[in-house]
Protein backbone atom coordinates (compact mmCIF):
# COMPACT_ATOMS: atom_id res chain seq x y z
CA MET A 1 -0.03 -0.09 0.09
CA PRO A 2 1.63 3.37 -0.99
CA ARG A 3 2.12 5.92 1.55
CA LYS A 4 -0.29 8.72 1.67
CA ARG A 5 1.52 12.10 0.92
CA GLN A 6 0.86 14.75 3.55
CA VAL A 7 1.82 18.29 2.75
CA PRO A 8 1.14 20.70 5.57
CA GLY A 9 0.19 24.21 4.72
CA LEU A 10 2.68 27.00 4.58
CA GLU A 11 0.79 28.75 7.28
CA ALA A 12 1.77 25.88 9.58
CA GLY A 13 5.43 26.68 9.04
CA THR A 14 6.50 23.13 8.67
CA ALA A 15 8.23 21.09 6.10
CA TYR A 16 7.18 17.82 4.41
CA GLY A 17 6.53 15.09 6.97
CA GLN A 18 6.90 17.24 10.02
CA VAL A 19 4.09 18.14 12.42
CA SER A 20 4.13 21.39 14.24
CA ALA A 21 2.48 22.66 17.43
CA GLN A 22 0.26 24.97 15.49
CA THR A 23 -1.35 22.16 13.55
CA ASP A 24 -1.76 20.08 16.58
CA ALA A 25 -3.38 23.15 18.35
CA MET A 26 -5.99 23.19 15.55
CA ASP A 27 -6.70 19.49 15.65
CA GLU A 28 -9.83 18.76 17.66
CA SER A 29 -8.76 15.09 18.12
CA LYS A 30 -5.60 16.21 19.84
CA GLY A 31 -7.41 18.55 22.42
CA GLY A 32 -6.98 21.51 20.07
CA ILE A 33 -9.59 24.19 19.00
CA SER A 34 -10.53 23.94 15.33
CA LEU A 35 -10.68 27.21 13.35
CA GLU A 36 -13.12 27.86 10.58
CA GLY A 37 -11.29 27.35 7.33
CA GLY A 38 -8.13 26.07 9.13
CA ALA A 39 -6.70 29.59 9.46
CA ALA A 40 -6.94 32.48 11.90
CA PRO A 41 -10.02 34.74 11.65
CA GLU A 42 -9.82 38.03 9.92
CA LEU A 43 -9.32 40.95 12.20
CA VAL A 44 -12.08 43.47 12.04
CA GLY A 45 -11.49 47.16 12.19
CA ALA A 46 -9.62 49.75 10.38
CA PRO A 47 -5.77 49.94 10.79
CA VAL A 48 -4.72 52.69 13.15
CA PRO A 49 -2.65 55.14 11.29
CA GLY A 50 0.76 56.11 12.80
CA PRO A 51 2.34 59.40 13.00
CA VAL A 52 3.01 60.93 9.63
CA PRO A 53 6.21 62.68 9.25
CA ALA A 54 6.14 66.33 7.83
CA LEU A 55 7.56 66.58 4.41
CA ALA A 56 9.89 69.59 3.95
CA ALA A 57 10.56 70.99 0.68
CA PRO A 58 14.08 70.66 -0.63
CA ALA A 59 16.37 73.71 -0.03
CA ALA A 60 16.98 75.75 -2.92
CA PRO A 61 20.67 75.88 -3.86
CA GLY A 62 22.34 79.12 -2.95
CA PRO A 63 23.54 81.72 -5.58
CA GLY A 64 26.60 80.66 -7.43
CA VAL A 65 26.64 77.02 -6.54
CA LEU A 66 26.76 75.85 -10.22
CA GLU A 67 29.61 78.25 -10.90
CA GLN A 68 31.58 76.83 -7.90
CA ALA A 69 31.00 73.25 -9.00
CA GLN A 70 32.27 74.11 -12.52
CA ALA A 71 35.21 76.03 -11.15
CA PHE A 72 36.36 73.00 -8.85
CA THR A 73 39.59 71.46 -10.12
CA PRO A 74 40.96 68.66 -7.98
CA ASN A 75 44.69 68.20 -7.64
CA LEU A 76 44.61 64.62 -8.85
CA THR A 77 47.24 62.89 -11.10
CA PRO A 78 45.95 60.14 -13.20
CA LEU A 79 47.73 56.68 -12.72
CA THR A 80 48.70 56.63 -16.24
CA ALA A 81 50.15 60.14 -16.49
CA PRO A 82 53.80 60.48 -17.48
CA GLY A 83 56.15 61.61 -14.73
CA THR A 84 57.92 60.35 -11.67
CA GLY A 85 54.94 58.73 -10.17
CA MET A 86 56.09 55.99 -7.80
CA GLY A 87 59.66 56.42 -8.50
CA ARG A 88 60.06 53.94 -11.29
CA GLY A 89 58.49 53.16 -14.62
CA LEU A 90 56.70 50.02 -15.74
CA SER A 91 59.01 47.02 -15.22
CA ARG A 92 59.62 44.39 -17.86
CA PRO A 93 58.88 40.86 -16.92
CA PRO A 94 61.98 38.75 -15.95
CA PRO A 95 63.50 36.75 -18.83
CA THR A 96 62.38 33.20 -19.10
CA PRO A 97 64.82 30.28 -18.84
CA ASN A 98 64.80 29.83 -22.52
CA GLN A 99 65.76 33.46 -23.16
CA GLU A 100 68.63 33.39 -20.61
CA ALA A 101 69.98 30.22 -22.38
CA ALA A 102 69.61 31.87 -25.70
CA ASP A 103 71.51 34.92 -24.40
CA MET A 104 74.29 32.61 -23.04
CA LEU A 105 74.54 30.75 -26.34
CA ARG A 106 74.85 34.12 -28.32
CA GLN A 107 77.85 34.98 -25.82
CA TRP A 108 79.50 31.73 -26.56
CA ALA A 109 79.15 32.19 -30.34
CA GLU A 110 80.72 35.60 -30.16
CA ALA A 111 83.54 34.35 -28.00
CA SER A 112 84.12 31.15 -30.20
CA GLU A 113 86.87 31.27 -32.68
CA ASP A 114 85.61 28.20 -34.64
CA ASP A 115 83.22 29.27 -37.50
CA GLN A 116 81.34 26.00 -37.58
CA PHE A 117 80.90 25.84 -33.78
CA ARG A 118 79.72 29.59 -33.90
CA ALA A 119 77.13 28.76 -36.59
CA VAL A 120 75.79 25.85 -34.50
CA LEU A 121 75.62 28.03 -31.37
CA SER A 122 73.83 31.04 -33.31
CA GLU A 123 71.33 28.70 -34.70
CA SER A 124 70.55 27.09 -31.33
CA ALA A 125 70.27 30.54 -29.62
CA ALA A 126 67.75 31.59 -32.51
CA GLN A 127 65.63 28.39 -31.95
CA LEU A 128 65.62 29.15 -28.14
CA SER A 129 64.60 32.73 -28.53
CA SER A 130 61.67 32.18 -30.79
């Protein structure tokens, strides 16, 4: 026999399969008081209005406010502006190990007296640098 699915109402504040004290309080078989329609009765009467804050008109800007705003020039230097800035320019990334090896091979090729060995070193340096 399949289990009967029970879904409590959202007004009970419970999840599927849970029983709350509120639903038990409305069940006559458990000693509760049943409510018509299974919900709290509607409250009769007009809502009592609270104090209403007084709305003041916005203050009119004083004379010359627009001129003062247009004349404002902040002393700010853009981060991309040329100059001393933080004391150093943009740094280059450090050379990769292949670039370092290519530079070393070029230096060896320049120092070598053997033309054939110099050609091999220069070609190897070119392959590493590309």
